Amino acid sequence: MKKEKLQILLLLLTTLFCVSCSQEDDIDEIFTGKTWYMNGGTINGMRLNSDVKNFYTDAGMNAYYITFTTNRFQGVLSAGTSFSGVWSANGKHQTITLEMTSSPELSTPFDKQIYNILSSVTSYKSGADFLQLKEDGQNEVVFGNTR
């Protein structure tokens, strides 16, 4: 009787282990059909939240965003400077690549920094209302679902 209870317990634990929650992100849920608005980031270890707010003031509200569709993205920096390309992501490892297919005329140093980070992102973090695209330990751009 004791042996049967142990076997049932082991079978139950094995079943629970096999059907536990997946740690893989739903890529379509995070990216496809979404527009993300830049609202912060880090360049060389320095936070740039106030810089973004100043650039929205200077560039207007139709700036600093990225939109994802199936395998493609497009975005806008300041002054209508647009960029686009193809993307791919791995939800299990939270990795992403953005391959730029257009080379915009970058008019400000800030635009150049943001474009360079986006051109070389390697990973992402996401929640219901944020998307963090990371180049390395010190450079990242943070987006929200609202400005």
N, C-alpha and C. Protein backbone atom coordinates (compact mmCIF):
# COMPACT_ATOMS: atom_id res chain seq x y z
N MET A 1 0.82 -1.19 0.00
CA MET A 1 0.00 0.00 0.00
C MET A 1 0.87 1.26 0.00
N LYS A 2 1.91 1.24 0.83
CA LYS A 2 2.81 2.38 0.90
C LYS A 2 3.53 2.59 -0.43
N LYS A 3 3.92 1.48 -1.06
CA LYS A 3 4.61 1.55 -2.34
C LYS A 3 3.70 2.13 -3.42
N GLU A 4 2.42 1.78 -3.41
CA GLU A 4 1.45 2.31 -4.39
C GLU A 4 1.26 3.81 -4.21
N LYS A 5 1.17 4.27 -2.98
CA LYS A 5 1.03 5.70 -2.71
C LYS A 5 2.25 6.46 -3.21
N LEU A 6 3.44 5.90 -3.00
CA LEU A 6 4.67 6.53 -3.46
C LEU A 6 4.69 6.61 -4.99
N GLN A 7 4.25 5.54 -5.64
CA GLN A 7 4.21 5.53 -7.10
C GLN A 7 3.21 6.56 -7.63
N ILE A 8 2.07 6.66 -6.99
CA ILE A 8 1.06 7.65 -7.40
C ILE A 8 1.59 9.06 -7.19
N LEU A 9 2.24 9.29 -6.07
CA LEU A 9 2.83 10.61 -5.79
C LEU A 9 3.90 10.96 -6.83
N LEU A 10 4.77 10.02 -7.15
CA LEU A 10 5.81 10.26 -8.16
C LEU A 10 5.19 10.51 -9.54
N LEU A 11 4.16 9.78 -9.89
CA LEU A 11 3.48 9.99 -11.17
C LEU A 11 2.84 11.38 -11.21
N LEU A 12 2.22 11.78 -10.12
CA LEU A 12 1.60 13.10 -10.04
C LEU A 12 2.65 14.21 -10.15
N LEU A 13 3.74 14.07 -9.44
CA LEU A 13 4.81 15.07 -9.51
C LEU A 13 5.43 15.13 -10.90
N THR A 14 5.61 14.00 -11.54
CA THR A 14 6.16 13.96 -12.90
C THR A 14 5.21 14.65 -13.86
N THR A 15 3.93 14.40 -13.72
CA THR A 15 2.93 15.05 -14.58
C THR A 15 2.93 16.56 -14.37
N LEU A 16 2.97 17.01 -13.14
CA LEU A 16 3.01 18.44 -12.86
C LEU A 16 4.27 19.08 -13.44
N PHE A 17 5.39 18.39 -13.34
CA PHE A 17 6.64 18.91 -13.88
C PHE A 17 6.55 19.05 -15.40
N CYS A 18 5.93 18.10 -16.05
CA CYS A 18 5.85 18.11 -17.52
C CYS A 18 4.89 19.16 -18.05
N VAL A 19 3.88 19.52 -17.29
CA VAL A 19 2.89 20.48 -17.77
C VAL A 19 3.03 21.84 -17.10
N SER A 20 4.17 22.09 -16.46
CA SER A 20 4.35 23.38 -15.80
C SER A 20 4.35 24.51 -16.81
N CYS A 21 4.23 25.72 -16.33
CA CYS A 21 4.14 26.89 -17.19
C CYS A 21 5.36 27.01 -18.10
N SER A 22 5.09 27.35 -19.33
CA SER A 22 6.16 27.56 -20.29
C SER A 22 6.82 28.91 -20.01
N GLN A 23 8.12 28.95 -20.12
CA GLN A 23 8.85 30.19 -19.93
C GLN A 23 9.09 30.91 -21.26
N GLU A 24 8.43 30.46 -22.30
CA GLU A 24 8.63 31.05 -23.62
C GLU A 24 7.61 32.17 -23.85
N ASP A 25 8.10 33.33 -24.31
CA ASP A 25 7.23 34.47 -24.59
C ASP A 25 6.43 34.22 -25.87
N ASP A 26 5.25 34.77 -25.93
CA ASP A 26 4.44 34.75 -27.14
C ASP A 26 4.87 35.94 -28.00
N ILE A 27 5.70 35.69 -28.98
CA ILE A 27 6.28 36.73 -29.81
C ILE A 27 5.21 37.56 -30.51
N ASP A 28 4.19 36.90 -31.06
CA ASP A 28 3.13 37.64 -31.74
C ASP A 28 2.41 38.59 -30.78
N GLU A 29 2.19 38.15 -29.57
CA GLU A 29 1.51 38.98 -28.57
C GLU A 29 2.32 40.24 -28.24
N ILE A 30 3.63 40.11 -28.18
CA ILE A 30 4.50 41.23 -27.83
C ILE A 30 4.70 42.19 -28.99
N PHE A 31 4.94 41.64 -30.19
CA PHE A 31 5.40 42.47 -31.29
C PHE A 31 4.35 42.70 -32.40
N THR A 32 3.79 41.67 -32.95
CA THR A 32 3.00 41.77 -34.17
C THR A 32 1.77 42.66 -33.99
N GLY A 33 1.68 43.67 -34.86
CA GLY A 33 0.54 44.58 -34.83
C GLY A 33 0.64 45.65 -33.75
N LYS A 34 1.76 45.77 -33.10
CA LYS A 34 1.90 46.73 -32.00
C LYS A 34 2.73 47.94 -32.42
N THR A 35 2.36 49.07 -31.85
CA THR A 35 3.17 50.28 -31.95
C THR A 35 3.66 50.60 -30.55
N TRP A 36 4.97 50.75 -30.43
CA TRP A 36 5.60 51.06 -29.15
C TRP A 36 6.22 52.45 -29.23
N TYR A 37 5.98 53.27 -28.20
CA TYR A 37 6.45 54.66 -28.15
C TYR A 37 7.63 54.77 -27.20
N MET A 38 8.70 55.37 -27.68
CA MET A 38 9.90 55.50 -26.87
C MET A 38 9.63 56.41 -25.67
N ASN A 39 10.01 55.92 -24.49
CA ASN A 39 9.83 56.75 -23.31
C ASN A 39 11.01 56.68 -22.35
N GLY A 40 12.13 56.16 -22.83
CA GLY A 40 13.31 56.14 -21.97
C GLY A 40 14.40 55.26 -22.56
N GLY A 41 15.43 55.10 -21.78
CA GLY A 41 16.52 54.26 -22.20
C GLY A 41 17.79 54.58 -21.44
N THR A 42 18.85 53.93 -21.87
CA THR A 42 20.16 54.13 -21.27
C THR A 42 21.21 54.14 -22.37
N ILE A 43 22.08 55.13 -22.34
CA ILE A 43 23.19 55.22 -23.28
C ILE A 43 24.47 55.31 -22.46
N ASN A 44 25.36 54.36 -22.68
CA ASN A 44 26.63 54.30 -21.93
C ASN A 44 26.41 54.38 -20.42
N GLY A 45 25.37 53.71 -19.95
CA GLY A 45 25.08 53.66 -18.53
C GLY A 45 24.33 54.85 -17.97
N MET A 46 24.04 55.86 -18.80
CA MET A 46 23.33 57.05 -18.32
C MET A 46 21.87 57.01 -18.79
N ARG A 47 20.95 57.20 -17.85
CA ARG A 47 19.51 57.22 -18.16
C ARG A 47 19.20 58.44 -19.00
N LEU A 48 18.26 58.31 -19.95
CA LEU A 48 17.95 59.44 -20.81
C LEU A 48 16.46 59.79 -20.83
N ASN A 49 15.75 59.52 -19.78
CA ASN A 49 14.32 59.80 -19.74
C ASN A 49 13.98 61.26 -19.99
N SER A 50 14.70 62.18 -19.36
CA SER A 50 14.39 63.60 -19.57
C SER A 50 14.75 64.02 -20.99
N ASP A 51 15.79 63.43 -21.59
CA ASP A 51 16.14 63.73 -22.98
C ASP A 51 14.99 63.39 -23.91
N VAL A 52 14.35 62.25 -23.68
CA VAL A 52 13.24 61.84 -24.53
C VAL A 52 12.10 62.84 -24.42
N LYS A 53 11.76 63.25 -23.22
CA LYS A 53 10.68 64.22 -23.06
C LYS A 53 11.02 65.53 -23.77
N ASN A 54 12.27 65.97 -23.68
CA ASN A 54 12.68 67.18 -24.39
C ASN A 54 12.59 67.00 -25.90
N PHE A 55 12.96 65.84 -26.40
CA PHE A 55 12.89 65.63 -27.84
C PHE A 55 11.45 65.55 -28.32
N TYR A 56 10.54 65.00 -27.51
CA TYR A 56 9.12 65.02 -27.88
C TYR A 56 8.62 66.45 -27.98
N THR A 57 9.08 67.29 -27.07
CA THR A 57 8.70 68.70 -27.11
C THR A 57 9.22 69.35 -28.38
N ASP A 58 10.47 69.07 -28.74
CA ASP A 58 11.07 69.66 -29.94
C ASP A 58 10.55 69.03 -31.23
N ALA A 59 10.37 67.71 -31.24
CA ALA A 59 10.04 67.00 -32.48
C ALA A 59 8.55 66.83 -32.70
N GLY A 60 7.76 67.05 -31.69
CA GLY A 60 6.33 66.82 -31.80
C GLY A 60 5.99 65.40 -31.41
N MET A 61 4.71 65.14 -31.33
CA MET A 61 4.25 63.83 -30.85
C MET A 61 4.34 62.75 -31.91
N ASN A 62 4.61 63.10 -33.16
CA ASN A 62 4.73 62.10 -34.20
C ASN A 62 6.19 61.71 -34.39
N ALA A 63 6.83 61.32 -33.30
CA ALA A 63 8.25 60.98 -33.33
C ALA A 63 8.54 59.88 -32.31
N TYR A 64 9.65 59.22 -32.50
CA TYR A 64 10.18 58.22 -31.57
C TYR A 64 9.19 57.09 -31.27
N TYR A 65 8.91 56.31 -32.30
CA TYR A 65 8.10 55.11 -32.10
C TYR A 65 8.54 54.04 -33.09
N ILE A 66 8.11 52.82 -32.82
CA ILE A 66 8.40 51.69 -33.70
C ILE A 66 7.15 50.82 -33.77
N THR A 67 6.83 50.37 -34.97
CA THR A 67 5.66 49.53 -35.22
C THR A 67 6.13 48.21 -35.81
N PHE A 68 5.60 47.11 -35.29
CA PHE A 68 5.96 45.79 -35.76
C PHE A 68 4.78 45.14 -36.47
N THR A 69 5.06 44.57 -37.63
CA THR A 69 4.10 43.70 -38.31
C THR A 69 4.80 42.35 -38.47
N THR A 70 4.16 41.41 -39.11
CA THR A 70 4.77 40.10 -39.28
C THR A 70 6.10 40.23 -40.00
N ASN A 71 7.18 39.98 -39.29
CA ASN A 71 8.56 39.98 -39.81
C ASN A 71 9.08 41.34 -40.27
N ARG A 72 8.32 42.41 -40.19
CA ARG A 72 8.80 43.72 -40.63
C ARG A 72 8.55 44.73 -39.51
N PHE A 73 9.33 45.82 -39.54
CA PHE A 73 9.11 46.91 -38.59
C PHE A 73 9.38 48.21 -39.31
N GLN A 74 8.82 49.27 -38.75
CA GLN A 74 9.17 50.61 -39.20
C GLN A 74 9.05 51.53 -38.01
N GLY A 75 9.85 52.58 -38.04
CA GLY A 75 9.86 53.50 -36.93
C GLY A 75 10.16 54.91 -37.39
N VAL A 76 10.01 55.82 -36.46
CA VAL A 76 10.28 57.23 -36.73
C VAL A 76 11.11 57.78 -35.58
N LEU A 77 12.16 58.50 -35.95
CA LEU A 77 12.96 59.24 -34.98
C LEU A 77 12.45 60.68 -35.00
N SER A 78 13.29 61.68 -34.80
CA SER A 78 12.83 63.07 -34.82
C SER A 78 12.65 63.56 -36.25
N ALA A 79 11.90 64.63 -36.37
CA ALA A 79 11.72 65.33 -37.65
C ALA A 79 11.28 64.39 -38.77
N GLY A 80 10.49 63.39 -38.45
CA GLY A 80 9.99 62.48 -39.47
C GLY A 80 11.03 61.55 -40.06
N THR A 81 12.18 61.44 -39.44
CA THR A 81 13.23 60.54 -39.91
C THR A 81 12.79 59.11 -39.69
N SER A 82 12.50 58.40 -40.79
CA SER A 82 11.98 57.05 -40.64
C SER A 82 13.04 56.00 -40.96
N PHE A 83 12.84 54.83 -40.40
CA PHE A 83 13.70 53.69 -40.64
C PHE A 83 12.82 52.46 -40.71
N SER A 84 13.30 51.41 -41.34
CA SER A 84 12.50 50.18 -41.45
C SER A 84 13.42 49.00 -41.68
N GLY A 85 12.83 47.82 -41.59
CA GLY A 85 13.61 46.62 -41.81
C GLY A 85 12.83 45.37 -41.47
N VAL A 86 13.56 44.30 -41.26
CA VAL A 86 12.97 43.02 -40.90
C VAL A 86 13.44 42.65 -39.50
N TRP A 87 12.62 41.89 -38.81
CA TRP A 87 12.95 41.49 -37.44
C TRP A 87 12.68 40.02 -37.24
N SER A 88 13.36 39.47 -36.25
CA SER A 88 13.06 38.11 -35.79
C SER A 88 13.36 38.07 -34.30
N ALA A 89 12.63 37.22 -33.60
CA ALA A 89 12.81 37.11 -32.15
C ALA A 89 12.65 35.66 -31.72
N ASN A 90 13.26 35.34 -30.61
CA ASN A 90 13.17 34.03 -30.00
C ASN A 90 12.59 34.21 -28.61
N GLY A 91 11.37 33.75 -28.42
CA GLY A 91 10.68 33.94 -27.15
C GLY A 91 11.25 33.13 -26.00
N LYS A 92 11.89 32.03 -26.31
CA LYS A 92 12.47 31.21 -25.25
C LYS A 92 13.70 31.88 -24.64
N HIS A 93 14.53 32.48 -25.49
CA HIS A 93 15.77 33.09 -25.03
C HIS A 93 15.68 34.61 -24.92
N GLN A 94 14.55 35.19 -25.29
CA GLN A 94 14.32 36.63 -25.28
C GLN A 94 15.40 37.37 -26.07
N THR A 95 15.69 36.84 -27.27
CA THR A 95 16.62 37.49 -28.17
C THR A 95 15.86 38.09 -29.34
N ILE A 96 16.43 39.13 -29.93
CA ILE A 96 15.80 39.78 -31.06
C ILE A 96 16.88 40.37 -31.96
N THR A 97 16.60 40.41 -33.25
CA THR A 97 17.46 41.12 -34.18
C THR A 97 16.58 42.04 -35.02
N LEU A 98 17.07 43.23 -35.24
CA LEU A 98 16.43 44.19 -36.13
C LEU A 98 17.42 44.45 -37.26
N GLU A 99 17.08 44.01 -38.45
CA GLU A 99 17.95 44.22 -39.60
C GLU A 99 17.41 45.40 -40.40
N MET A 100 18.13 46.50 -40.36
CA MET A 100 17.70 47.72 -41.04
C MET A 100 17.82 47.55 -42.55
N THR A 101 16.76 47.93 -43.26
CA THR A 101 16.80 47.89 -44.72
C THR A 101 16.77 49.28 -45.32
N SER A 102 16.67 50.28 -44.47
CA SER A 102 16.75 51.67 -44.93
C SER A 102 17.77 52.41 -44.07
N SER A 103 18.47 53.33 -44.69
CA SER A 103 19.47 54.13 -43.97
C SER A 103 19.03 55.59 -43.98
N PRO A 104 18.39 56.04 -42.92
CA PRO A 104 17.89 57.41 -42.91
C PRO A 104 19.00 58.44 -42.72
N GLU A 105 18.70 59.63 -43.11
CA GLU A 105 19.58 60.78 -42.85
C GLU A 105 19.36 61.17 -41.39
N LEU A 106 20.35 60.95 -40.56
CA LEU A 106 20.22 61.20 -39.12
C LEU A 106 20.73 62.60 -38.81
N SER A 107 19.81 63.48 -38.42
CA SER A 107 20.15 64.89 -38.29
C SER A 107 20.65 65.30 -36.91
N THR A 108 20.39 64.49 -35.90
CA THR A 108 20.81 64.88 -34.55
C THR A 108 21.68 63.77 -33.93
N PRO A 109 22.56 64.14 -33.01
CA PRO A 109 23.36 63.13 -32.32
C PRO A 109 22.48 62.13 -31.55
N PHE A 110 21.38 62.63 -30.99
CA PHE A 110 20.46 61.76 -30.25
C PHE A 110 19.88 60.71 -31.18
N ASP A 111 19.43 61.12 -32.37
CA ASP A 111 18.90 60.17 -33.36
C ASP A 111 19.95 59.13 -33.72
N LYS A 112 21.18 59.55 -33.89
CA LYS A 112 22.26 58.62 -34.23
C LYS A 112 22.46 57.59 -33.14
N GLN A 113 22.43 58.02 -31.89
CA GLN A 113 22.61 57.10 -30.77
C GLN A 113 21.47 56.08 -30.72
N ILE A 114 20.24 56.56 -30.85
CA ILE A 114 19.08 55.66 -30.79
C ILE A 114 19.12 54.69 -31.96
N TYR A 115 19.38 55.18 -33.16
CA TYR A 115 19.44 54.34 -34.35
C TYR A 115 20.54 53.27 -34.20
N ASN A 116 21.70 53.66 -33.69
CA ASN A 116 22.79 52.70 -33.51
C ASN A 116 22.42 51.61 -32.50
N ILE A 117 21.74 51.98 -31.43
CA ILE A 117 21.30 50.98 -30.46
C ILE A 117 20.31 50.03 -31.11
N LEU A 118 19.30 50.58 -31.79
CA LEU A 118 18.29 49.73 -32.42
C LEU A 118 18.90 48.82 -33.49
N SER A 119 19.92 49.31 -34.18
CA SER A 119 20.56 48.52 -35.24
C SER A 119 21.32 47.32 -34.68
N SER A 120 21.65 47.36 -33.42
CA SER A 120 22.46 46.28 -32.87
C SER A 120 21.86 45.64 -31.62
N VAL A 121 20.54 45.72 -31.45
CA VAL A 121 19.92 45.07 -30.29
C VAL A 121 20.10 43.56 -30.38
N THR A 122 20.21 42.95 -29.22
CA THR A 122 20.38 41.50 -29.16
C THR A 122 19.34 40.82 -28.27
N SER A 123 18.71 41.58 -27.38
CA SER A 123 17.74 40.96 -26.48
C SER A 123 16.62 41.94 -26.15
N TYR A 124 15.57 41.40 -25.57
CA TYR A 124 14.43 42.22 -25.18
C TYR A 124 13.88 41.74 -23.86
N LYS A 125 13.14 42.62 -23.20
CA LYS A 125 12.30 42.29 -22.06
C LYS A 125 10.96 42.93 -22.34
N SER A 126 9.91 42.30 -21.90
CA SER A 126 8.59 42.85 -22.18
C SER A 126 7.63 42.58 -21.05
N GLY A 127 6.68 43.49 -20.92
CA GLY A 127 5.57 43.33 -20.00
C GLY A 127 4.32 43.80 -20.71
N ALA A 128 3.24 43.93 -20.00
CA ALA A 128 1.99 44.34 -20.62
C ALA A 128 2.07 45.73 -21.24
N ASP A 129 2.87 46.61 -20.65
CA ASP A 129 2.90 47.99 -21.13
C ASP A 129 4.29 48.53 -21.40
N PHE A 130 5.30 47.64 -21.51
CA PHE A 130 6.64 48.13 -21.84
C PHE A 130 7.38 47.12 -22.71
N LEU A 131 8.32 47.64 -23.48
CA LEU A 131 9.22 46.83 -24.30
C LEU A 131 10.60 47.44 -24.16
N GLN A 132 11.54 46.66 -23.72
CA GLN A 132 12.91 47.11 -23.52
C GLN A 132 13.78 46.37 -24.53
N LEU A 133 14.42 47.13 -25.44
CA LEU A 133 15.32 46.55 -26.43
C LEU A 133 16.74 46.87 -25.99
N LYS A 134 17.54 45.82 -25.79
CA LYS A 134 18.87 45.99 -25.21
C LYS A 134 19.96 45.65 -26.22
N GLU A 135 20.93 46.55 -26.29
CA GLU A 135 22.11 46.31 -27.12
C GLU A 135 23.15 45.54 -26.33
N ASP A 136 23.40 45.97 -25.14
CA ASP A 136 24.35 45.32 -24.25
C ASP A 136 24.01 45.78 -22.83
N GLY A 137 24.92 45.60 -21.92
CA GLY A 137 24.65 45.96 -20.53
C GLY A 137 24.44 47.44 -20.28
N GLN A 138 24.91 48.31 -21.19
CA GLN A 138 24.83 49.74 -20.92
C GLN A 138 23.93 50.50 -21.88
N ASN A 139 23.48 49.89 -22.96
CA ASN A 139 22.68 50.60 -23.96
C ASN A 139 21.35 49.89 -24.19
N GLU A 140 20.28 50.64 -24.05
CA GLU A 140 18.94 50.09 -24.27
C GLU A 140 17.98 51.22 -24.59
N VAL A 141 16.90 50.86 -25.25
CA VAL A 141 15.82 51.80 -25.51
C VAL A 141 14.56 51.18 -24.92
N VAL A 142 13.81 51.97 -24.16
CA VAL A 142 12.60 51.51 -23.51
C VAL A 142 11.40 52.16 -24.17
N PHE A 143 10.42 51.33 -24.51
CA PHE A 143 9.20 51.78 -25.16
C PHE A 143 8.01 51.46 -24.27
N GLY A 144 6.96 52.23 -24.43
CA GLY A 144 5.70 51.96 -23.74
C GLY A 144 4.57 51.91 -24.75
N ASN A 145 3.41 51.41 -24.31
CA ASN A 145 2.28 51.36 -25.24
C ASN A 145 1.56 52.71 -25.32
N THR A 146 1.99 53.67 -24.51
CA THR A 146 1.53 55.05 -24.62
C THR A 146 2.75 55.96 -24.45
N ARG A 147 2.60 57.21 -24.83
CA ARG A 147 3.73 58.16 -24.68
C ARG A 147 3.86 58.57 -23.24
